[in-house]
Amino acid sequence: MSEPTLRDPDFEARVRGSFAKQGLMETLGASLARVSPGAVDIALAPSPAVSQQHGFVHAGAVASIADSAAGYAALTLMPPGAGVLTAEFKINLLAPAIGDSIVARGRVIKAGRTLTLAQTEVFAGREGQEKLIAVLTATLMTIEGRAGVGD
């Protein structure tokens, strides 16, 4: 796989600034763990606030960080001033989200001028081991020239 084409040298500051404005990520207690061209990792500390009735991290929280990781991975390769919106995603929940940490690793598969395909793998960490618990595939749209949509 070839190196992604970087269109904005300030991509990291832009991603971090946009992420800081996301109320949902703050509510979930999620944080940016890594930002690099075509790749973003989002970490979530499991807590009762994001759990479901059996004590696992709720699938809605898992899907939210997975979607955001894919979207921000796509944004790292978009031109300055562009915004990113998810056009669609599919998630496969492979195992219960239980552990000491949850991390969503979003990666761009193919970046286009308008549409970008990204994939996120979500892992649960426990006792130094990671287990794959979900895989999300997303199509992200580059939005340019639309008032109020710029990251």
Protein backbone atom coordinates (compact mmCIF):
# COMPACT_ATOMS: atom_id res chain seq x y z
CA MET A 1 0.00 0.00 0.00
CA SER A 2 1.44 3.40 -0.96
CA GLU A 3 1.88 6.32 1.40
CA PRO A 4 -1.22 8.55 1.65
CA THR A 5 -1.14 11.95 -0.03
CA LEU A 6 -0.99 14.67 2.59
CA ARG A 7 -2.95 17.77 1.49
CA ASP A 8 -2.84 19.77 4.74
CA PRO A 9 0.44 20.11 6.66
CA ASP A 10 -1.55 21.22 9.74
CA PHE A 11 -3.78 18.12 9.69
CA GLU A 12 -3.00 17.13 13.28
CA ALA A 13 -3.95 20.49 14.79
CA ARG A 14 -7.13 20.52 12.70
CA VAL A 15 -8.13 17.01 13.82
CA ARG A 16 -7.40 17.79 17.47
CA GLY A 17 -9.36 21.06 17.30
CA SER A 18 -12.35 19.39 15.67
CA PHE A 19 -12.29 16.47 18.11
CA ALA A 20 -12.29 18.91 21.04
CA LYS A 21 -15.59 20.35 19.76
CA GLN A 22 -17.36 16.97 19.77
CA GLY A 23 -19.71 16.88 22.73
CA LEU A 24 -20.36 13.16 22.34
CA MET A 25 -16.69 12.22 22.58
CA GLU A 26 -16.41 14.32 25.75
CA THR A 27 -19.57 12.72 27.17
CA LEU A 28 -18.18 9.24 26.48
CA GLY A 29 -14.80 10.13 28.00
CA ALA A 30 -13.01 9.34 24.71
CA SER A 31 -9.65 10.82 23.79
CA LEU A 32 -7.36 11.00 20.78
CA ALA A 33 -4.54 8.52 21.28
CA ARG A 34 -2.81 8.93 17.89
CA VAL A 35 -3.11 11.19 14.85
CA SER A 36 -1.01 10.52 11.76
CA PRO A 37 -1.62 10.79 8.00
CA GLY A 38 -4.47 8.43 7.16
CA ALA A 39 -4.70 7.00 10.69
CA VAL A 40 -6.39 8.01 13.95
CA ASP A 41 -6.74 6.08 17.20
CA ILE A 42 -9.41 6.94 19.76
CA ALA A 43 -9.24 5.55 23.30
CA LEU A 44 -12.14 4.99 25.65
CA ALA A 45 -11.88 4.08 29.32
CA PRO A 46 -14.70 1.70 30.26
CA SER A 47 -16.95 3.02 33.01
CA PRO A 48 -20.50 2.51 34.26
CA ALA A 49 -21.49 5.65 32.32
CA VAL A 50 -20.86 3.90 28.97
CA SER A 51 -21.94 0.37 29.91
CA GLN A 52 -24.98 -1.67 29.02
CA GLN A 53 -27.00 -3.89 31.34
CA HIS A 54 -24.44 -6.74 31.42
CA GLY A 55 -21.51 -4.45 32.26
CA PHE A 56 -19.98 -4.41 28.76
CA VAL A 57 -19.21 -1.12 27.02
CA HIS A 58 -22.38 -0.33 25.09
CA ALA A 59 -22.31 -1.03 21.35
CA GLY A 60 -23.42 2.58 20.77
CA ALA A 61 -20.25 3.83 22.44
CA VAL A 62 -18.12 1.35 20.49
CA ALA A 63 -19.77 2.40 17.21
CA SER A 64 -19.36 6.08 18.05
CA ILE A 65 -15.62 5.93 18.64
CA ALA A 66 -15.16 3.63 15.63
CA ASP A 67 -17.06 6.06 13.37
CA SER A 68 -15.10 9.04 14.68
CA ALA A 69 -11.77 7.24 14.23
CA ALA A 70 -12.65 6.48 10.59
CA GLY A 71 -13.86 10.03 9.99
CA TYR A 72 -10.83 11.69 11.50
CA ALA A 73 -8.48 9.31 9.66
CA ALA A 74 -10.17 10.52 6.46
CA LEU A 75 -9.93 14.17 7.54
CA THR A 76 -6.14 13.90 7.92
CA LEU A 77 -5.92 13.51 4.12
CA MET A 78 -8.47 16.19 3.16
CA PRO A 79 -7.55 19.71 2.00
CA PRO A 80 -7.45 22.65 4.43
CA GLY A 81 -10.90 24.05 5.17
CA ALA A 82 -12.73 20.86 4.20
CA GLY A 83 -15.16 19.16 6.53
CA VAL A 84 -15.83 15.46 6.86
CA LEU A 85 -19.21 13.74 7.17
CA THR A 86 -20.01 10.06 7.35
CA ALA A 87 -22.11 8.94 4.38
CA GLU A 88 -22.54 5.38 5.68
CA PHE A 89 -20.99 2.77 7.91
CA LYS A 90 -21.35 -0.89 8.73
CA ILE A 91 -20.12 -2.37 11.96
CA ASN A 92 -19.58 -5.99 12.94
CA LEU A 93 -19.57 -6.57 16.68
CA LEU A 94 -17.33 -9.59 17.17
CA ALA A 95 -17.10 -9.93 20.95
CA PRO A 96 -18.33 -8.16 24.09
CA ALA A 97 -16.55 -4.89 24.78
CA ILE A 98 -15.06 -5.73 28.14
CA GLY A 99 -11.62 -4.87 29.40
CA ASP A 100 -9.48 -2.18 30.99
CA SER A 101 -9.36 -0.10 27.82
CA ILE A 102 -11.06 0.17 24.44
CA VAL A 103 -9.22 1.58 21.43
CA ALA A 104 -10.58 2.27 17.95
CA ARG A 105 -7.91 2.33 15.23
CA GLY A 106 -9.20 4.07 12.11
CA ARG A 107 -7.28 3.75 8.83
CA VAL A 108 -7.92 5.10 5.35
CA ILE A 109 -8.24 2.36 2.76
CA LYS A 110 -8.65 4.71 -0.23
CA ALA A 111 -8.87 8.48 -0.23
CA GLY A 112 -10.66 10.10 -3.14
CA ARG A 113 -11.45 13.70 -3.96
CA THR A 114 -15.05 13.39 -2.71
CA LEU A 115 -15.38 9.98 -1.07
CA THR A 116 -12.97 8.17 1.22
CA LEU A 117 -13.21 4.56 2.33
CA ALA A 118 -11.91 3.85 5.83
CA GLN A 119 -11.89 0.93 8.22
CA THR A 120 -11.70 0.88 12.00
CA GLU A 121 -10.71 -2.06 14.14
CA VAL A 122 -11.77 -1.82 17.78
CA PHE A 123 -9.83 -3.66 20.46
CA ALA A 124 -10.48 -4.33 24.14
CA GLY A 125 -7.36 -4.40 26.30
CA ARG A 126 -7.04 -6.54 29.38
CA GLU A 127 -3.91 -7.55 31.30
CA GLY A 128 -1.62 -6.40 28.50
CA GLN A 129 -3.49 -8.36 25.80
CA GLU A 130 -5.72 -6.98 23.07
CA LYS A 131 -8.79 -8.67 21.63
CA LEU A 132 -10.48 -7.57 18.40
CA ILE A 133 -14.10 -6.78 19.32
CA ALA A 134 -15.47 -4.85 16.32
CA VAL A 135 -14.74 -3.90 12.72
CA LEU A 136 -16.33 -0.87 11.07
CA THR A 137 -16.17 0.06 7.39
CA ALA A 138 -17.18 3.61 6.51
CA THR A 139 -17.62 5.89 3.52
CA LEU A 140 -16.74 9.49 4.37
CA MET A 141 -17.55 12.56 2.31
CA THR A 142 -15.31 15.58 1.80
CA ILE A 143 -17.43 18.72 2.24
CA GLU A 144 -16.09 21.95 0.76
CA GLY A 145 -17.69 25.35 0.37
CA ARG A 146 -20.64 24.70 2.67
CA ALA A 147 -21.22 27.20 5.47
CA GLY A 148 -20.79 25.71 8.91
CA VAL A 149 -19.17 22.48 7.71
CA GLY A 150 -15.43 22.82 8.08
CA ASP A 151 -13.20 21.00 10.52
